[in-house]
Structures are given as structure tokens and as C-alpha cells.
Amino acid sequence: SPDIMEKRDGFLTLTRRRIEAAVKSNGAPGIMVAHSMGNTVFRYFLEWLRQEMRDEAFNRYVKQDERRRAKARAQGQVGGYDAPGGG
């Protein structure tokens, strides 16, 4: 199954990188064509990719918030707001 192929040899990650490289080198989106069992594998890939992108977006959001909070603390603010009595 595709999840075993990902664990074994990074199949889904490699597929993503190959598609991204092709799009970058062509400078335009591509069209994916699959047949037979490839349709099932490609559908699994799309669901995996959706989750990967969701996780990446969440991690970016968390990192941005951590940086914002660290900056606020360095400026003497609490939670991004001026500390009581400061201002």
C-alpha cells in the first residue's frame, strides 16, 4: 500500500518532490494522468499531500506566533500586549 511505500522508501515524498521540480522547471502547472491501480495510488497521494500541506501550514502559523510572542516578550509586552503599568 502507499503508506508502506512511504515508510519503506519515501515514495509519496519523492513523488511530491518530482512534481514540484517539474512544475518549477516548466514554469507552469502540469496535468497528472493515472490508470488502473495508479488511480488509487494517486488518490491516496492527494489525500496524503493535503494532510502534509495542512501540517506545514499549521507549523508555519505556530512558528510565526512563537516569533511574535518572543518579540513581544523582548519588548516587555505580555502576550503581544503592553504589560500592565507599562505604556
N, C-alpha and C. Protein backbone atom coordinates (compact mmCIF):
# COMPACT_ATOMS: atom_id res chain seq x y z
N SER A 1 0.84 -1.18 0.00
CA SER A 1 0.00 0.00 0.00
C SER A 1 0.88 1.25 0.00
N PRO A 2 0.33 2.39 -0.40
CA PRO A 2 1.14 3.61 -0.50
C PRO A 2 1.77 4.03 0.83
N ASP A 3 1.07 3.84 1.95
CA ASP A 3 1.67 4.26 3.22
C ASP A 3 2.89 3.40 3.56
N ILE A 4 2.86 2.13 3.19
CA ILE A 4 4.03 1.26 3.40
C ILE A 4 5.16 1.69 2.49
N MET A 5 4.83 2.03 1.24
CA MET A 5 5.87 2.51 0.31
C MET A 5 6.49 3.81 0.83
N GLU A 6 5.70 4.68 1.45
CA GLU A 6 6.24 5.93 2.01
C GLU A 6 7.19 5.61 3.16
N LYS A 7 6.79 4.72 4.04
CA LYS A 7 7.64 4.36 5.18
C LYS A 7 8.91 3.66 4.70
N ARG A 8 8.77 2.79 3.71
CA ARG A 8 9.89 1.99 3.23
C ARG A 8 10.91 2.82 2.46
N ASP A 9 10.43 3.62 1.47
CA ASP A 9 11.39 4.33 0.62
C ASP A 9 10.99 5.77 0.28
N GLY A 10 10.08 6.34 1.04
CA GLY A 10 9.71 7.73 0.83
C GLY A 10 9.00 7.99 -0.48
N PHE A 11 8.20 7.04 -0.93
CA PHE A 11 7.55 7.13 -2.24
C PHE A 11 6.71 8.39 -2.41
N LEU A 12 5.88 8.70 -1.42
CA LEU A 12 4.99 9.86 -1.55
C LEU A 12 5.79 11.16 -1.52
N THR A 13 6.77 11.24 -0.64
CA THR A 13 7.62 12.43 -0.56
C THR A 13 8.39 12.60 -1.86
N LEU A 14 8.93 11.53 -2.40
CA LEU A 14 9.67 11.58 -3.66
C LEU A 14 8.75 12.01 -4.81
N THR A 15 7.53 11.49 -4.82
CA THR A 15 6.57 11.87 -5.86
C THR A 15 6.28 13.36 -5.77
N ARG A 16 6.08 13.86 -4.56
CA ARG A 16 5.83 15.30 -4.38
C ARG A 16 7.01 16.12 -4.91
N ARG A 17 8.21 15.74 -4.54
CA ARG A 17 9.40 16.48 -4.98
C ARG A 17 9.55 16.46 -6.50
N ARG A 18 9.26 15.32 -7.10
CA ARG A 18 9.37 15.23 -8.57
C ARG A 18 8.35 16.13 -9.26
N ILE A 19 7.12 16.14 -8.75
CA ILE A 19 6.09 17.00 -9.33
C ILE A 19 6.46 18.47 -9.15
N GLU A 20 6.90 18.84 -7.96
CA GLU A 20 7.30 20.23 -7.70
C GLU A 20 8.46 20.64 -8.60
N ALA A 21 9.43 19.75 -8.80
CA ALA A 21 10.57 20.06 -9.67
C ALA A 21 10.13 20.24 -11.12
N ALA A 22 9.21 19.39 -11.58
CA ALA A 22 8.72 19.50 -12.96
C ALA A 22 7.97 20.81 -13.16
N VAL A 23 7.14 21.18 -12.19
CA VAL A 23 6.39 22.44 -12.30
C VAL A 23 7.35 23.61 -12.30
N LYS A 24 8.34 23.57 -11.43
CA LYS A 24 9.31 24.66 -11.36
C LYS A 24 10.12 24.78 -12.65
N SER A 25 10.57 23.67 -13.19
CA SER A 25 11.40 23.72 -14.40
C SER A 25 10.60 24.12 -15.63
N ASN A 26 9.31 23.76 -15.65
CA ASN A 26 8.46 24.14 -16.79
C ASN A 26 7.86 25.52 -16.63
N GLY A 27 7.82 26.01 -15.41
CA GLY A 27 7.24 27.31 -15.15
C GLY A 27 5.73 27.35 -15.33
N ALA A 28 5.11 26.21 -15.30
CA ALA A 28 3.65 26.14 -15.49
C ALA A 28 3.12 24.89 -14.78
N PRO A 29 1.86 24.91 -14.39
CA PRO A 29 1.27 23.71 -13.79
C PRO A 29 1.26 22.55 -14.78
N GLY A 30 1.18 21.36 -14.26
CA GLY A 30 1.15 20.17 -15.10
C GLY A 30 -0.17 19.44 -14.98
N ILE A 31 -0.33 18.43 -15.79
CA ILE A 31 -1.52 17.58 -15.77
C ILE A 31 -1.06 16.18 -15.40
N MET A 32 -1.70 15.60 -14.41
CA MET A 32 -1.35 14.25 -13.99
C MET A 32 -2.33 13.28 -14.61
N VAL A 33 -1.81 12.18 -15.12
CA VAL A 33 -2.63 11.13 -15.71
C VAL A 33 -2.25 9.81 -15.04
N ALA A 34 -3.26 9.08 -14.61
CA ALA A 34 -3.02 7.78 -13.99
C ALA A 34 -4.01 6.78 -14.58
N HIS A 35 -3.68 5.50 -14.50
CA HIS A 35 -4.61 4.47 -14.98
C HIS A 35 -4.52 3.26 -14.08
N SER A 36 -5.53 2.43 -14.17
CA SER A 36 -5.61 1.19 -13.42
C SER A 36 -5.39 1.44 -11.93
N MET A 37 -4.52 0.70 -11.28
CA MET A 37 -4.26 0.89 -9.85
C MET A 37 -3.56 2.22 -9.57
N GLY A 38 -2.98 2.83 -10.58
CA GLY A 38 -2.37 4.14 -10.40
C GLY A 38 -3.37 5.18 -9.94
N ASN A 39 -4.63 5.03 -10.35
CA ASN A 39 -5.66 5.96 -9.90
C ASN A 39 -5.82 5.89 -8.38
N THR A 40 -5.83 4.69 -7.85
CA THR A 40 -5.97 4.52 -6.40
C THR A 40 -4.76 5.09 -5.68
N VAL A 41 -3.58 4.80 -6.18
CA VAL A 41 -2.35 5.30 -5.56
C VAL A 41 -2.31 6.83 -5.63
N PHE A 42 -2.71 7.39 -6.78
CA PHE A 42 -2.68 8.84 -6.93
C PHE A 42 -3.69 9.51 -6.00
N ARG A 43 -4.85 8.91 -5.86
CA ARG A 43 -5.84 9.46 -4.92
C ARG A 43 -5.30 9.44 -3.50
N TYR A 44 -4.63 8.36 -3.13
CA TYR A 44 -4.01 8.28 -1.82
C TYR A 44 -2.96 9.37 -1.68
N PHE A 45 -2.15 9.56 -2.74
CA PHE A 45 -1.13 10.61 -2.74
C PHE A 45 -1.75 11.98 -2.49
N LEU A 46 -2.86 12.28 -3.16
CA LEU A 46 -3.52 13.58 -3.00
C LEU A 46 -4.01 13.78 -1.57
N GLU A 47 -4.56 12.74 -0.96
CA GLU A 47 -5.00 12.85 0.43
C GLU A 47 -3.81 13.03 1.37
N TRP A 48 -2.75 12.29 1.10
CA TRP A 48 -1.52 12.43 1.90
C TRP A 48 -0.98 13.85 1.75
N LEU A 49 -0.96 14.36 0.52
CA LEU A 49 -0.44 15.70 0.26
C LEU A 49 -1.29 16.76 0.96
N ARG A 50 -2.59 16.58 0.93
CA ARG A 50 -3.48 17.53 1.62
C ARG A 50 -3.11 17.61 3.10
N GLN A 51 -2.91 16.46 3.73
CA GLN A 51 -2.55 16.44 5.14
C GLN A 51 -1.17 17.04 5.37
N GLU A 52 -0.22 16.72 4.51
CA GLU A 52 1.13 17.29 4.63
C GLU A 52 1.09 18.81 4.55
N MET A 53 0.35 19.33 3.59
CA MET A 53 0.26 20.78 3.41
C MET A 53 -0.46 21.42 4.59
N ARG A 54 -1.47 20.76 5.11
CA ARG A 54 -2.19 21.27 6.28
C ARG A 54 -1.24 21.33 7.47
N ASP A 55 -0.46 20.27 7.67
CA ASP A 55 0.51 20.24 8.77
C ASP A 55 1.57 21.32 8.59
N GLU A 56 2.07 21.49 7.37
CA GLU A 56 3.07 22.52 7.09
C GLU A 56 2.52 23.92 7.38
N ALA A 57 1.29 24.17 6.95
CA ALA A 57 0.67 25.48 7.20
C ALA A 57 0.50 25.70 8.69
N PHE A 58 0.07 24.68 9.42
CA PHE A 58 -0.09 24.80 10.87
C PHE A 58 1.25 25.09 11.53
N ASN A 59 2.28 24.35 11.12
CA ASN A 59 3.61 24.56 11.72
C ASN A 59 4.13 25.97 11.43
N ARG A 60 3.88 26.48 10.22
CA ARG A 60 4.28 27.86 9.89
C ARG A 60 3.55 28.84 10.81
N TYR A 61 2.26 28.62 11.01
CA TYR A 61 1.47 29.50 11.87
C TYR A 61 2.02 29.49 13.29
N VAL A 62 2.30 28.30 13.81
CA VAL A 62 2.81 28.19 15.18
C VAL A 62 4.16 28.90 15.29
N LYS A 63 5.04 28.70 14.32
CA LYS A 63 6.36 29.34 14.36
C LYS A 63 6.22 30.86 14.29
N GLN A 64 5.32 31.37 13.45
CA GLN A 64 5.10 32.81 13.36
C GLN A 64 4.62 33.35 14.70
N ASP A 65 3.69 32.63 15.33
CA ASP A 65 3.17 33.07 16.62
C ASP A 65 4.26 33.03 17.69
N GLU A 66 5.10 32.00 17.66
CA GLU A 66 6.19 31.91 18.63
C GLU A 66 7.15 33.08 18.46
N ARG A 67 7.46 33.43 17.20
CA ARG A 67 8.35 34.57 16.95
C ARG A 67 7.70 35.87 17.43
N ARG A 68 6.40 36.03 17.18
CA ARG A 68 5.69 37.24 17.60
C ARG A 68 5.70 37.36 19.12
N ARG A 69 5.45 36.24 19.81
CA ARG A 69 5.44 36.27 21.27
C ARG A 69 6.83 36.54 21.84
N ALA A 70 7.86 35.95 21.23
CA ALA A 70 9.23 36.18 21.69
C ALA A 70 9.61 37.66 21.51
N LYS A 71 9.22 38.23 20.40
CA LYS A 71 9.50 39.64 20.14
C LYS A 71 8.76 40.51 21.16
N ALA A 72 7.50 40.16 21.44
CA ALA A 72 6.72 40.92 22.41
C ALA A 72 7.35 40.84 23.80
N ARG A 73 7.82 39.64 24.19
CA ARG A 73 8.47 39.49 25.49
C ARG A 73 9.74 40.33 25.55
N ALA A 74 10.51 40.33 24.47
CA ALA A 74 11.75 41.11 24.43
C ALA A 74 11.47 42.60 24.55
N GLN A 75 10.28 43.02 24.13
CA GLN A 75 9.91 44.43 24.20
C GLN A 75 9.14 44.74 25.48
N GLY A 76 9.06 43.76 26.40
CA GLY A 76 8.39 43.98 27.67
C GLY A 76 6.89 43.89 27.59
N GLN A 77 6.40 43.24 26.57
CA GLN A 77 4.96 43.06 26.43
C GLN A 77 4.59 41.66 26.87
N VAL A 78 3.35 41.47 27.27
CA VAL A 78 2.85 40.17 27.70
C VAL A 78 1.83 39.71 26.68
N GLY A 79 2.06 38.56 26.04
CA GLY A 79 1.10 38.03 25.09
C GLY A 79 0.86 38.94 23.91
N GLY A 80 1.81 39.79 23.59
CA GLY A 80 1.66 40.67 22.45
C GLY A 80 1.03 42.01 22.80
N TYR A 81 0.70 42.18 24.09
CA TYR A 81 0.08 43.44 24.54
C TYR A 81 1.01 44.08 25.56
N ASP A 82 0.88 45.38 25.74
CA ASP A 82 1.69 46.06 26.74
C ASP A 82 1.41 45.48 28.13
N ALA A 83 2.45 45.32 28.91
CA ALA A 83 2.28 44.82 30.28
C ALA A 83 1.57 45.87 31.11
N PRO A 84 0.81 45.43 32.12
CA PRO A 84 0.13 46.39 33.00
C PRO A 84 1.13 47.37 33.60
N GLY A 85 0.76 48.62 33.62
CA GLY A 85 1.63 49.64 34.19
C GLY A 85 2.67 50.15 33.21
N GLY A 86 2.82 49.45 32.09
CA GLY A 86 3.78 49.89 31.07
C GLY A 86 3.05 50.65 30.01
N GLY A 87 3.71 51.42 29.27
CA GLY A 87 2.96 52.02 28.20
C GLY A 87 3.30 53.37 27.98
